[in-house]
Amino acid sequence: MNPFLREICLENTTYLQKAIEAGADRIELCDNLAVGGTTVSYGVARLAAKKCRDVSVQLMGIVRPRGGNFIYTKEEQAIMKSDIHILKELGFDGVVLGCLTEKGVVDDEAMERLLHVADGLETTFHMAFDVVEDPYQTLDTLTRLGFKRVLMHGPHQNIVENIEFIRRCIDYSAGRIIIMPGGGITSSNVDFIHTATGATELHGTRILW
């Protein structure tokens, strides 16, 4: 058994079978990685859910209606609610989402509405975390809202330069919420990042190869 969980981020289903065969612990499914990931189509979601269910691999789906910032209109939030319903009906294990206000803090009202729809699913707050005004206060807020984990990269482009920040976040969270580093984690550096940060879950598009 691996000492930590490897979550691979996949764009659509192109490498889904390869990821399963490579031993992915969990898969995050998205479209449009060039803009940070958006929600996949119904057909992609349906196929992925069946494939993962057949081999008992956990599947998460990003719920993000567009690229750009994380400040969503009421119409966009309604789209997100519909997408959560669909992913839940298809048998996804969880959803990955995040809404902010113009002040750079978590949009409590939007999140509470979406999390109500996502009841029964695992929830991950995505890399919107990297642009919040106060990361530690945000960890308190996400814990209060009931998120299971937060996906983060940190302020520097190179993930290695963020090791100390990730460790501080893990220490601050004190087991209340899982801190999952991502962005620049590959099969070559994943063991080092795990050892250096103490993270028990790690995320990346190249984490298995």
N, C-alpha and C. Protein backbone atom coordinates (compact mmCIF):
# COMPACT_ATOMS: atom_id res chain seq x y z
N MET A 1 0.84 -1.20 0.00
CA MET A 1 0.00 0.00 0.00
C MET A 1 0.87 1.25 0.00
N ASN A 2 0.50 2.23 -0.85
CA ASN A 2 1.27 3.47 -0.91
C ASN A 2 1.14 4.26 0.39
N PRO A 3 2.21 4.95 0.79
CA PRO A 3 2.15 5.76 2.02
C PRO A 3 1.30 7.02 1.86
N PHE A 4 0.90 7.33 0.64
CA PHE A 4 0.07 8.50 0.39
C PHE A 4 -0.81 8.23 -0.83
N LEU A 5 -1.86 9.01 -0.98
CA LEU A 5 -2.81 8.83 -2.07
C LEU A 5 -2.39 9.66 -3.28
N ARG A 6 -2.46 9.05 -4.44
CA ARG A 6 -2.15 9.74 -5.70
C ARG A 6 -3.44 10.01 -6.46
N GLU A 7 -3.75 11.29 -6.63
CA GLU A 7 -4.91 11.68 -7.44
C GLU A 7 -4.40 12.24 -8.76
N ILE A 8 -4.82 11.63 -9.86
CA ILE A 8 -4.40 12.12 -11.17
C ILE A 8 -5.51 12.96 -11.77
N CYS A 9 -5.12 14.10 -12.32
CA CYS A 9 -6.06 14.98 -13.01
C CYS A 9 -6.05 14.64 -14.50
N LEU A 10 -7.21 14.29 -15.03
CA LEU A 10 -7.31 13.89 -16.43
C LEU A 10 -8.23 14.82 -17.20
N GLU A 11 -7.81 15.16 -18.40
CA GLU A 11 -8.64 15.94 -19.31
C GLU A 11 -9.44 14.97 -20.17
N ASN A 12 -10.74 14.88 -19.90
CA ASN A 12 -11.61 13.95 -20.60
C ASN A 12 -11.18 12.50 -20.36
N THR A 13 -11.38 11.61 -21.33
CA THR A 13 -11.15 10.19 -21.08
C THR A 13 -9.95 9.63 -21.85
N THR A 14 -9.18 10.49 -22.49
CA THR A 14 -8.09 10.03 -23.35
C THR A 14 -7.14 9.08 -22.63
N TYR A 15 -6.76 9.43 -21.41
CA TYR A 15 -5.80 8.60 -20.68
C TYR A 15 -6.44 7.91 -19.47
N LEU A 16 -7.76 7.79 -19.49
CA LEU A 16 -8.45 7.21 -18.35
C LEU A 16 -8.04 5.76 -18.12
N GLN A 17 -8.05 4.96 -19.16
CA GLN A 17 -7.69 3.55 -19.00
C GLN A 17 -6.23 3.41 -18.58
N LYS A 18 -5.37 4.24 -19.15
CA LYS A 18 -3.95 4.22 -18.79
C LYS A 18 -3.78 4.55 -17.30
N ALA A 19 -4.52 5.52 -16.82
CA ALA A 19 -4.42 5.92 -15.41
C ALA A 19 -4.90 4.79 -14.50
N ILE A 20 -5.97 4.13 -14.88
CA ILE A 20 -6.48 3.00 -14.09
C ILE A 20 -5.44 1.89 -14.03
N GLU A 21 -4.86 1.58 -15.17
CA GLU A 21 -3.87 0.50 -15.23
C GLU A 21 -2.59 0.87 -14.49
N ALA A 22 -2.30 2.18 -14.41
CA ALA A 22 -1.09 2.64 -13.71
C ALA A 22 -1.29 2.70 -12.20
N GLY A 23 -2.50 2.43 -11.74
CA GLY A 23 -2.74 2.35 -10.31
C GLY A 23 -3.20 3.64 -9.66
N ALA A 24 -3.93 4.47 -10.40
CA ALA A 24 -4.45 5.70 -9.80
C ALA A 24 -5.30 5.37 -8.58
N ASP A 25 -5.09 6.11 -7.50
CA ASP A 25 -5.93 5.94 -6.31
C ASP A 25 -7.25 6.68 -6.47
N ARG A 26 -7.17 7.82 -7.16
CA ARG A 26 -8.37 8.62 -7.39
C ARG A 26 -8.15 9.44 -8.66
N ILE A 27 -9.24 9.71 -9.36
CA ILE A 27 -9.17 10.47 -10.61
C ILE A 27 -10.02 11.73 -10.48
N GLU A 28 -9.44 12.86 -10.88
CA GLU A 28 -10.22 14.08 -11.03
C GLU A 28 -10.41 14.32 -12.51
N LEU A 29 -11.65 14.40 -12.93
CA LEU A 29 -11.98 14.52 -14.35
C LEU A 29 -12.38 15.96 -14.68
N CYS A 30 -11.78 16.49 -15.75
CA CYS A 30 -12.13 17.85 -16.16
C CYS A 30 -11.95 18.00 -17.66
N ASP A 31 -12.34 19.13 -18.17
CA ASP A 31 -12.13 19.52 -19.56
C ASP A 31 -11.29 20.79 -19.54
N ASN A 32 -10.73 21.18 -20.67
CA ASN A 32 -10.07 22.49 -20.81
C ASN A 32 -9.01 22.77 -19.75
N LEU A 33 -8.03 21.89 -19.65
CA LEU A 33 -6.96 22.11 -18.68
C LEU A 33 -6.18 23.39 -18.96
N ALA A 34 -6.20 23.85 -20.20
CA ALA A 34 -5.47 25.07 -20.55
C ALA A 34 -5.97 26.28 -19.77
N VAL A 35 -7.23 26.23 -19.30
CA VAL A 35 -7.77 27.33 -18.50
C VAL A 35 -7.97 26.90 -17.05
N GLY A 36 -7.33 25.80 -16.66
CA GLY A 36 -7.42 25.35 -15.28
C GLY A 36 -8.49 24.32 -15.01
N GLY A 37 -9.21 23.92 -16.08
CA GLY A 37 -10.22 22.87 -15.93
C GLY A 37 -11.64 23.40 -15.84
N THR A 38 -12.53 22.78 -16.61
CA THR A 38 -13.96 23.08 -16.55
C THR A 38 -14.72 21.76 -16.54
N THR A 39 -16.02 21.83 -16.33
CA THR A 39 -16.85 20.63 -16.24
C THR A 39 -16.90 19.90 -17.58
N VAL A 40 -16.81 18.58 -17.52
CA VAL A 40 -16.86 17.78 -18.75
C VAL A 40 -18.29 17.64 -19.24
N SER A 41 -18.42 17.13 -20.46
CA SER A 41 -19.75 16.88 -21.03
C SER A 41 -20.42 15.69 -20.35
N TYR A 42 -21.71 15.57 -20.55
CA TYR A 42 -22.47 14.45 -19.97
C TYR A 42 -21.91 13.12 -20.47
N GLY A 43 -21.62 13.04 -21.76
CA GLY A 43 -21.12 11.79 -22.33
C GLY A 43 -19.79 11.36 -21.73
N VAL A 44 -18.89 12.31 -21.55
CA VAL A 44 -17.59 12.02 -20.94
C VAL A 44 -17.79 11.57 -19.50
N ALA A 45 -18.62 12.29 -18.78
CA ALA A 45 -18.87 11.95 -17.38
C ALA A 45 -19.48 10.56 -17.24
N ARG A 46 -20.41 10.23 -18.10
CA ARG A 46 -21.09 8.93 -18.03
C ARG A 46 -20.11 7.79 -18.28
N LEU A 47 -19.26 7.93 -19.30
CA LEU A 47 -18.29 6.88 -19.62
C LEU A 47 -17.28 6.72 -18.49
N ALA A 48 -16.78 7.83 -17.98
CA ALA A 48 -15.78 7.77 -16.91
C ALA A 48 -16.36 7.13 -15.66
N ALA A 49 -17.59 7.48 -15.33
CA ALA A 49 -18.23 6.93 -14.14
C ALA A 49 -18.35 5.41 -14.25
N LYS A 50 -18.72 4.93 -15.43
CA LYS A 50 -18.85 3.48 -15.61
C LYS A 50 -17.51 2.77 -15.50
N LYS A 51 -16.49 3.33 -16.17
CA LYS A 51 -15.17 2.70 -16.14
C LYS A 51 -14.60 2.66 -14.72
N CYS A 52 -14.75 3.75 -13.99
CA CYS A 52 -14.20 3.80 -12.63
C CYS A 52 -15.00 2.91 -11.68
N ARG A 53 -16.30 2.87 -11.87
CA ARG A 53 -17.13 2.02 -11.02
C ARG A 53 -16.78 0.54 -11.22
N ASP A 54 -16.50 0.17 -12.46
CA ASP A 54 -16.19 -1.23 -12.77
C ASP A 54 -14.93 -1.73 -12.08
N VAL A 55 -14.00 -0.80 -11.79
CA VAL A 55 -12.73 -1.20 -11.17
C VAL A 55 -12.55 -0.60 -9.78
N SER A 56 -13.61 0.02 -9.26
CA SER A 56 -13.60 0.60 -7.91
C SER A 56 -12.51 1.64 -7.71
N VAL A 57 -12.35 2.52 -8.69
CA VAL A 57 -11.45 3.67 -8.56
C VAL A 57 -12.29 4.91 -8.30
N GLN A 58 -11.93 5.66 -7.28
CA GLN A 58 -12.71 6.83 -6.90
C GLN A 58 -12.62 7.90 -7.98
N LEU A 59 -13.75 8.57 -8.23
CA LEU A 59 -13.84 9.56 -9.31
C LEU A 59 -14.42 10.87 -8.79
N MET A 60 -13.68 11.95 -9.03
CA MET A 60 -14.12 13.30 -8.68
C MET A 60 -14.34 14.09 -9.98
N GLY A 61 -15.31 14.97 -9.97
CA GLY A 61 -15.57 15.79 -11.15
C GLY A 61 -15.49 17.27 -10.82
N ILE A 62 -14.74 18.02 -11.61
CA ILE A 62 -14.67 19.46 -11.37
C ILE A 62 -15.99 20.08 -11.81
N VAL A 63 -16.46 21.02 -11.02
CA VAL A 63 -17.69 21.75 -11.33
C VAL A 63 -17.31 23.22 -11.50
N ARG A 64 -17.08 23.58 -12.74
CA ARG A 64 -16.61 24.93 -13.06
C ARG A 64 -17.14 25.27 -14.45
N PRO A 65 -18.03 26.23 -14.58
CA PRO A 65 -18.70 26.47 -15.86
C PRO A 65 -17.86 27.18 -16.91
N ARG A 66 -16.74 27.76 -16.49
CA ARG A 66 -15.90 28.51 -17.43
C ARG A 66 -14.52 28.71 -16.82
N GLY A 67 -13.58 29.15 -17.66
CA GLY A 67 -12.29 29.55 -17.15
C GLY A 67 -12.38 30.96 -16.58
N GLY A 68 -11.23 31.51 -16.22
CA GLY A 68 -11.23 32.87 -15.68
C GLY A 68 -11.32 32.88 -14.17
N ASN A 69 -11.91 33.92 -13.63
CA ASN A 69 -11.95 34.07 -12.18
C ASN A 69 -12.98 33.12 -11.56
N PHE A 70 -13.10 33.20 -10.24
CA PHE A 70 -13.98 32.28 -9.51
C PHE A 70 -15.16 33.02 -8.88
N ILE A 71 -15.50 34.16 -9.50
CA ILE A 71 -16.64 34.96 -9.06
C ILE A 71 -17.79 34.66 -10.02
N TYR A 72 -18.80 33.96 -9.54
CA TYR A 72 -19.83 33.44 -10.42
C TYR A 72 -21.17 34.16 -10.23
N THR A 73 -21.83 34.41 -11.36
CA THR A 73 -23.15 35.01 -11.33
C THR A 73 -24.17 33.98 -10.84
N LYS A 74 -25.39 34.46 -10.56
CA LYS A 74 -26.46 33.55 -10.15
C LYS A 74 -26.75 32.52 -11.24
N GLU A 75 -26.69 32.94 -12.51
CA GLU A 75 -26.92 32.00 -13.61
C GLU A 75 -25.84 30.93 -13.64
N GLU A 76 -24.59 31.34 -13.44
CA GLU A 76 -23.50 30.37 -13.43
C GLU A 76 -23.62 29.42 -12.25
N GLN A 77 -24.05 29.94 -11.12
CA GLN A 77 -24.25 29.07 -9.96
C GLN A 77 -25.37 28.06 -10.22
N ALA A 78 -26.40 28.48 -10.95
CA ALA A 78 -27.48 27.55 -11.31
C ALA A 78 -26.96 26.44 -12.22
N ILE A 79 -26.06 26.79 -13.12
CA ILE A 79 -25.43 25.79 -13.98
C ILE A 79 -24.64 24.79 -13.14
N MET A 80 -23.91 25.30 -12.17
CA MET A 80 -23.11 24.45 -11.30
C MET A 80 -24.00 23.50 -10.50
N LYS A 81 -25.13 23.99 -10.02
CA LYS A 81 -26.07 23.14 -9.30
C LYS A 81 -26.56 22.00 -10.19
N SER A 82 -26.89 22.31 -11.43
CA SER A 82 -27.35 21.28 -12.37
C SER A 82 -26.26 20.25 -12.62
N ASP A 83 -25.02 20.72 -12.78
CA ASP A 83 -23.91 19.81 -13.04
C ASP A 83 -23.65 18.90 -11.85
N ILE A 84 -23.78 19.43 -10.64
CA ILE A 84 -23.60 18.60 -9.45
C ILE A 84 -24.66 17.50 -9.42
N HIS A 85 -25.89 17.86 -9.72
CA HIS A 85 -26.98 16.86 -9.77
C HIS A 85 -26.64 15.75 -10.75
N ILE A 86 -26.15 16.14 -11.92
CA ILE A 86 -25.83 15.15 -12.97
C ILE A 86 -24.71 14.23 -12.51
N LEU A 87 -23.63 14.80 -11.98
CA LEU A 87 -22.50 13.98 -11.54
C LEU A 87 -22.91 13.04 -10.41
N LYS A 88 -23.76 13.52 -9.53
CA LYS A 88 -24.25 12.66 -8.44
C LYS A 88 -25.07 11.51 -9.00
N GLU A 89 -25.96 11.80 -9.94
CA GLU A 89 -26.80 10.76 -10.54
C GLU A 89 -25.97 9.72 -11.30
N LEU A 90 -24.85 10.17 -11.88
CA LEU A 90 -24.00 9.25 -12.64
C LEU A 90 -23.12 8.38 -11.74
N GLY A 91 -23.07 8.71 -10.47
CA GLY A 91 -22.31 7.89 -9.54
C GLY A 91 -20.91 8.38 -9.22
N PHE A 92 -20.63 9.66 -9.48
CA PHE A 92 -19.34 10.22 -9.07
C PHE A 92 -19.22 10.17 -7.55
N ASP A 93 -18.00 10.03 -7.09
CA ASP A 93 -17.76 9.98 -5.64
C ASP A 93 -17.71 11.36 -5.02
N GLY A 94 -17.37 12.35 -5.82
CA GLY A 94 -17.26 13.68 -5.26
C GLY A 94 -17.15 14.75 -6.33
N VAL A 95 -17.15 16.01 -5.87
CA VAL A 95 -17.05 17.15 -6.77
C VAL A 95 -15.97 18.10 -6.27
N VAL A 96 -15.42 18.86 -7.22
CA VAL A 96 -14.33 19.79 -6.96
C VAL A 96 -14.82 21.17 -7.40
N LEU A 97 -14.89 22.11 -6.49
CA LEU A 97 -15.50 23.39 -6.82
C LEU A 97 -15.01 24.49 -5.89
N GLY A 98 -15.38 25.72 -6.21
CA GLY A 98 -14.98 26.84 -5.38
C GLY A 98 -15.53 28.15 -5.91
N CYS A 99 -16.11 28.96 -5.03
CA CYS A 99 -16.65 30.27 -5.40
C CYS A 99 -16.06 31.34 -4.47
N LEU A 100 -15.65 32.45 -5.07
CA LEU A 100 -15.09 33.56 -4.30
C LEU A 100 -15.90 34.83 -4.53
N THR A 101 -15.70 35.79 -3.65
CA THR A 101 -16.29 37.12 -3.84
C THR A 101 -15.24 38.04 -4.45
N GLU A 102 -15.65 39.24 -4.80
CA GLU A 102 -14.72 40.21 -5.36
C GLU A 102 -13.67 40.65 -4.35
N LYS A 103 -13.90 40.38 -3.07
CA LYS A 103 -12.95 40.75 -2.02
C LYS A 103 -11.90 39.66 -1.79
N GLY A 104 -11.97 38.58 -2.57
CA GLY A 104 -10.97 37.53 -2.44
C GLY A 104 -11.19 36.61 -1.26
N VAL A 105 -12.45 36.47 -0.86
CA VAL A 105 -12.79 35.53 0.21
C VAL A 105 -13.81 34.54 -0.32
N VAL A 106 -14.00 33.45 0.41
CA VAL A 106 -14.97 32.44 0.00
C VAL A 106 -16.37 33.04 -0.01
N ASP A 107 -17.11 32.75 -1.07
CA ASP A 107 -18.50 33.19 -1.17
C ASP A 107 -19.36 32.20 -0.39
N ASP A 108 -19.57 32.52 0.89
CA ASP A 108 -20.28 31.61 1.79
C ASP A 108 -21.65 31.21 1.27
N GLU A 109 -22.43 32.19 0.82
CA GLU A 109 -23.80 31.91 0.39
C GLU A 109 -23.82 30.98 -0.81
N ALA A 110 -22.99 31.26 -1.80
CA ALA A 110 -22.93 30.41 -2.98
C ALA A 110 -22.47 29.00 -2.61
N MET A 111 -21.45 28.92 -1.76
CA MET A 111 -20.92 27.62 -1.39
C MET A 111 -21.95 26.80 -0.61
N GLU A 112 -22.66 27.45 0.29
CA GLU A 112 -23.66 26.72 1.07
C GLU A 112 -24.75 26.16 0.17
N ARG A 113 -25.17 26.93 -0.83
CA ARG A 113 -26.20 26.44 -1.76
C ARG A 113 -25.68 25.25 -2.57
N LEU A 114 -24.45 25.34 -3.05
CA LEU A 114 -23.89 24.27 -3.87
C LEU A 114 -23.59 23.03 -3.03
N LEU A 115 -23.10 23.24 -1.83
CA LEU A 115 -22.78 22.10 -0.97
C LEU A 115 -24.04 21.38 -0.52
N HIS A 116 -25.13 22.09 -0.43
CA HIS A 116 -26.41 21.45 -0.11
C HIS A 116 -26.79 20.46 -1.22
N VAL A 117 -26.59 20.86 -2.46
CA VAL A 117 -26.86 19.98 -3.60
C VAL A 117 -25.89 18.79 -3.60
N ALA A 118 -24.67 19.05 -3.18
CA ALA A 118 -23.61 18.02 -3.20
C ALA A 118 -23.66 17.11 -1.98
N ASP A 119 -24.66 17.26 -1.13
CA ASP A 119 -24.75 16.44 0.07
C ASP A 119 -24.62 14.95 -0.27
N GLY A 120 -23.76 14.25 0.47
CA GLY A 120 -23.52 12.84 0.20
C GLY A 120 -22.30 12.58 -0.66
N LEU A 121 -21.75 13.63 -1.26
CA LEU A 121 -20.53 13.52 -2.07
C LEU A 121 -19.34 14.07 -1.30
N GLU A 122 -18.14 13.58 -1.62
CA GLU A 122 -16.93 14.22 -1.10
C GLU A 122 -16.77 15.57 -1.80
N THR A 123 -16.26 16.54 -1.07
CA THR A 123 -16.09 17.86 -1.67
C THR A 123 -14.66 18.36 -1.50
N THR A 124 -14.11 18.83 -2.60
CA THR A 124 -12.77 19.42 -2.62
C THR A 124 -12.89 20.87 -3.07
N PHE A 125 -12.27 21.78 -2.33
CA PHE A 125 -12.18 23.18 -2.76
C PHE A 125 -10.95 23.29 -3.65
N HIS A 126 -11.15 23.75 -4.89
CA HIS A 126 -10.05 23.70 -5.86
C HIS A 126 -9.09 24.88 -5.73
N MET A 127 -8.26 25.07 -6.75
CA MET A 127 -7.16 26.03 -6.65
C MET A 127 -7.58 27.50 -6.65
N ALA A 128 -8.87 27.75 -6.54
CA ALA A 128 -9.29 29.11 -6.20
C ALA A 128 -8.63 29.51 -4.88
N PHE A 129 -8.26 28.51 -4.10
CA PHE A 129 -7.58 28.78 -2.83
C PHE A 129 -6.32 29.61 -3.02
N ASP A 130 -5.65 29.44 -4.16
CA ASP A 130 -4.38 30.13 -4.38
C ASP A 130 -4.52 31.63 -4.59
N VAL A 131 -5.75 32.12 -4.76
CA VAL A 131 -5.92 33.56 -4.99
C VAL A 131 -6.72 34.22 -3.87
N VAL A 132 -6.93 33.52 -2.76
CA VAL A 132 -7.68 34.14 -1.65
C VAL A 132 -6.79 35.13 -0.92
N GLU A 133 -7.44 36.06 -0.22
CA GLU A 133 -6.73 37.11 0.50
C GLU A 133 -5.97 36.56 1.71
N ASP A 134 -6.61 35.66 2.46
CA ASP A 134 -6.02 35.13 3.69
C ASP A 134 -6.17 33.61 3.69
N PRO A 135 -5.12 32.87 3.37
CA PRO A 135 -5.24 31.41 3.27
C PRO A 135 -5.63 30.72 4.57
N TYR A 136 -5.14 31.22 5.69
CA TYR A 136 -5.43 30.56 6.96
C TYR A 136 -6.88 30.78 7.39
N GLN A 137 -7.36 31.99 7.22
CA GLN A 137 -8.77 32.25 7.50
C GLN A 137 -9.65 31.43 6.55
N THR A 138 -9.18 31.27 5.31
CA THR A 138 -9.93 30.47 4.34
C THR A 138 -10.01 29.01 4.76
N LEU A 139 -8.94 28.48 5.32
CA LEU A 139 -8.97 27.10 5.81
C LEU A 139 -10.02 26.95 6.92
N ASP A 140 -10.13 27.96 7.78
CA ASP A 140 -11.16 27.94 8.81
C ASP A 140 -12.56 27.92 8.19
N THR A 141 -12.74 28.76 7.18
CA THR A 141 -14.05 28.85 6.51
C THR A 141 -14.40 27.55 5.82
N LEU A 142 -13.46 26.96 5.11
CA LEU A 142 -13.73 25.72 4.38
C LEU A 142 -14.01 24.57 5.34
N THR A 143 -13.33 24.57 6.46
CA THR A 143 -13.61 23.56 7.49
C THR A 143 -15.02 23.71 8.02
N ARG A 144 -15.40 24.95 8.30
CA ARG A 144 -16.75 25.22 8.81
C ARG A 144 -17.82 24.81 7.80
N LEU A 145 -17.55 25.03 6.51
CA LEU A 145 -18.51 24.69 5.47
C LEU A 145 -18.63 23.18 5.25
N GLY A 146 -17.63 22.44 5.69
CA GLY A 146 -17.69 20.99 5.58
C GLY A 146 -16.91 20.38 4.44
N PHE A 147 -16.01 21.15 3.82
CA PHE A 147 -15.17 20.57 2.77
C PHE A 147 -14.27 19.49 3.36
N LYS A 148 -14.05 18.44 2.59
CA LYS A 148 -13.15 17.37 3.06
C LYS A 148 -11.69 17.73 2.81
N ARG A 149 -11.42 18.42 1.69
CA ARG A 149 -10.03 18.74 1.36
C ARG A 149 -9.96 20.03 0.56
N VAL A 150 -8.75 20.56 0.48
CA VAL A 150 -8.49 21.72 -0.36
C VAL A 150 -7.27 21.41 -1.24
N LEU A 151 -7.43 21.69 -2.52
CA LEU A 151 -6.34 21.53 -3.49
C LEU A 151 -5.62 22.86 -3.61
N MET A 152 -4.30 22.84 -3.40
CA MET A 152 -3.54 24.08 -3.46
C MET A 152 -2.19 23.88 -4.16
N HIS A 153 -1.68 24.97 -4.67
CA HIS A 153 -0.34 24.96 -5.26
C HIS A 153 0.59 25.83 -4.45
N GLY A 154 0.13 27.03 -4.13
CA GLY A 154 0.96 27.97 -3.39
C GLY A 154 1.33 29.18 -4.23
N PRO A 155 1.99 30.18 -3.63
CA PRO A 155 2.22 31.45 -4.30
C PRO A 155 3.30 31.44 -5.39
N HIS A 156 4.23 30.49 -5.32
CA HIS A 156 5.32 30.46 -6.29
C HIS A 156 5.03 29.48 -7.42
N GLN A 157 5.57 29.77 -8.60
CA GLN A 157 5.28 28.93 -9.76
C GLN A 157 5.82 27.51 -9.59
N ASN A 158 7.00 27.39 -9.04
CA ASN A 158 7.62 26.08 -8.82
C ASN A 158 7.09 25.49 -7.52
N ILE A 159 6.50 24.31 -7.59
CA ILE A 159 5.90 23.69 -6.40
C ILE A 159 6.92 23.49 -5.29
N VAL A 160 8.18 23.25 -5.65
CA VAL A 160 9.21 23.03 -4.64
C VAL A 160 9.39 24.27 -3.77
N GLU A 161 9.23 25.44 -4.35
CA GLU A 161 9.37 26.69 -3.60
C GLU A 161 8.20 26.91 -2.64
N ASN A 162 7.16 26.11 -2.76
CA ASN A 162 5.98 26.26 -1.91
C ASN A 162 5.95 25.26 -0.75
N ILE A 163 6.99 24.48 -0.61
CA ILE A 163 6.98 23.42 0.39
C ILE A 163 6.72 23.96 1.79
N GLU A 164 7.40 25.03 2.17
CA GLU A 164 7.23 25.56 3.51
C GLU A 164 5.80 26.07 3.73
N PHE A 165 5.25 26.73 2.71
CA PHE A 165 3.87 27.23 2.81
C PHE A 165 2.90 26.07 2.96
N ILE A 166 3.08 25.01 2.18
CA ILE A 166 2.20 23.84 2.26
C ILE A 166 2.28 23.21 3.65
N ARG A 167 3.51 23.11 4.17
CA ARG A 167 3.67 22.55 5.52
C ARG A 167 2.96 23.39 6.57
N ARG A 168 3.04 24.71 6.43
CA ARG A 168 2.37 25.59 7.39
C ARG A 168 0.85 25.40 7.33
N CYS A 169 0.34 25.24 6.11
CA CYS A 169 -1.10 25.02 5.95
C CYS A 169 -1.52 23.68 6.57
N ILE A 170 -0.70 22.66 6.38
CA ILE A 170 -1.00 21.35 6.97
C ILE A 170 -0.98 21.45 8.50
N ASP A 171 0.02 22.14 9.02
CA ASP A 171 0.10 22.31 10.48
C ASP A 171 -1.10 23.09 11.00
N TYR A 172 -1.47 24.14 10.28
CA TYR A 172 -2.58 24.98 10.72
C TYR A 172 -3.90 24.22 10.68
N SER A 173 -4.08 23.40 9.64
CA SER A 173 -5.34 22.67 9.50
C SER A 173 -5.51 21.63 10.59
N ALA A 174 -4.40 21.11 11.11
CA ALA A 174 -4.41 20.19 12.26
C ALA A 174 -5.39 19.04 12.08
N GLY A 175 -5.45 18.51 10.86
CA GLY A 175 -6.30 17.36 10.60
C GLY A 175 -7.76 17.69 10.40
N ARG A 176 -8.14 18.97 10.46
CA ARG A 176 -9.55 19.35 10.28
C ARG A 176 -9.97 19.25 8.83
N ILE A 177 -9.04 19.47 7.91
CA ILE A 177 -9.30 19.40 6.48
C ILE A 177 -8.02 18.90 5.82
N ILE A 178 -8.15 18.11 4.77
CA ILE A 178 -6.99 17.55 4.09
C ILE A 178 -6.38 18.61 3.17
N ILE A 179 -5.08 18.80 3.26
CA ILE A 179 -4.35 19.69 2.35
C ILE A 179 -3.73 18.83 1.26
N MET A 180 -4.14 19.06 0.01
CA MET A 180 -3.65 18.27 -1.11
C MET A 180 -2.87 19.16 -2.08
N PRO A 181 -1.54 19.08 -2.07
CA PRO A 181 -0.74 19.87 -3.01
C PRO A 181 -0.93 19.39 -4.44
N GLY A 182 -0.83 20.31 -5.38
CA GLY A 182 -0.94 19.96 -6.79
C GLY A 182 -0.31 21.04 -7.65
N GLY A 183 -0.14 20.73 -8.92
CA GLY A 183 0.44 21.70 -9.84
C GLY A 183 1.95 21.55 -9.91
N GLY A 184 2.45 20.80 -10.88
CA GLY A 184 3.88 20.58 -10.99
C GLY A 184 4.37 19.33 -10.29
N ILE A 185 3.46 18.53 -9.75
CA ILE A 185 3.85 17.27 -9.12
C ILE A 185 3.83 16.17 -10.17
N THR A 186 4.94 15.47 -10.28
CA THR A 186 5.11 14.42 -11.29
C THR A 186 5.55 13.13 -10.62
N SER A 187 5.64 12.08 -11.43
CA SER A 187 6.11 10.81 -10.89
C SER A 187 7.55 10.92 -10.39
N SER A 188 8.29 11.90 -10.88
CA SER A 188 9.70 12.06 -10.50
C SER A 188 9.87 12.77 -9.16
N ASN A 189 8.94 13.67 -8.81
CA ASN A 189 9.13 14.44 -7.57
C ASN A 189 8.07 14.16 -6.50
N VAL A 190 7.11 13.28 -6.79
CA VAL A 190 6.01 13.07 -5.87
C VAL A 190 6.47 12.54 -4.51
N ASP A 191 7.44 11.64 -4.51
CA ASP A 191 7.92 11.10 -3.24
C ASP A 191 8.62 12.19 -2.42
N PHE A 192 9.38 13.03 -3.08
CA PHE A 192 10.05 14.13 -2.39
C PHE A 192 9.03 15.11 -1.81
N ILE A 193 8.02 15.48 -2.60
CA ILE A 193 7.01 16.43 -2.12
C ILE A 193 6.27 15.84 -0.93
N HIS A 194 5.97 14.56 -0.99
CA HIS A 194 5.29 13.90 0.13
C HIS A 194 6.15 13.97 1.40
N THR A 195 7.41 13.62 1.27
CA THR A 195 8.30 13.60 2.43
C THR A 195 8.52 15.01 2.98
N ALA A 196 8.70 15.97 2.09
CA ALA A 196 9.03 17.34 2.51
C ALA A 196 7.86 18.07 3.15
N THR A 197 6.64 17.76 2.72
CA THR A 197 5.48 18.48 3.22
C THR A 197 4.68 17.70 4.26
N GLY A 198 4.76 16.38 4.18
CA GLY A 198 3.92 15.57 5.06
C GLY A 198 2.52 15.38 4.53
N ALA A 199 2.27 15.82 3.29
CA ALA A 199 0.94 15.68 2.69
C ALA A 199 0.61 14.20 2.47
N THR A 200 -0.62 13.82 2.79
CA THR A 200 -1.04 12.42 2.63
C THR A 200 -1.79 12.18 1.33
N GLU A 201 -2.14 13.26 0.63
CA GLU A 201 -2.77 13.16 -0.68
C GLU A 201 -2.08 14.16 -1.60
N LEU A 202 -1.74 13.71 -2.81
CA LEU A 202 -1.07 14.58 -3.78
C LEU A 202 -1.76 14.46 -5.14
N HIS A 203 -1.66 15.53 -5.94
CA HIS A 203 -2.47 15.68 -7.14
C HIS A 203 -1.60 16.15 -8.31
N GLY A 204 -1.87 15.64 -9.49
CA GLY A 204 -1.15 16.13 -10.66
C GLY A 204 -1.59 15.44 -11.93
N THR A 205 -1.30 16.08 -13.07
CA THR A 205 -1.62 15.49 -14.37
C THR A 205 -0.57 14.45 -14.77
N ARG A 206 0.62 14.53 -14.16
CA ARG A 206 1.71 13.59 -14.51
C ARG A 206 2.21 12.84 -13.28
N ILE A 207 1.34 12.65 -12.33
CA ILE A 207 1.76 12.07 -11.06
C ILE A 207 2.02 10.57 -11.17
N LEU A 208 1.53 9.94 -12.24
CA LEU A 208 1.72 8.49 -12.42
C LEU A 208 2.72 8.16 -13.51
N TRP A 209 3.12 9.15 -14.31
CA TRP A 209 4.06 8.87 -15.41
C TRP A 209 4.82 10.13 -15.80
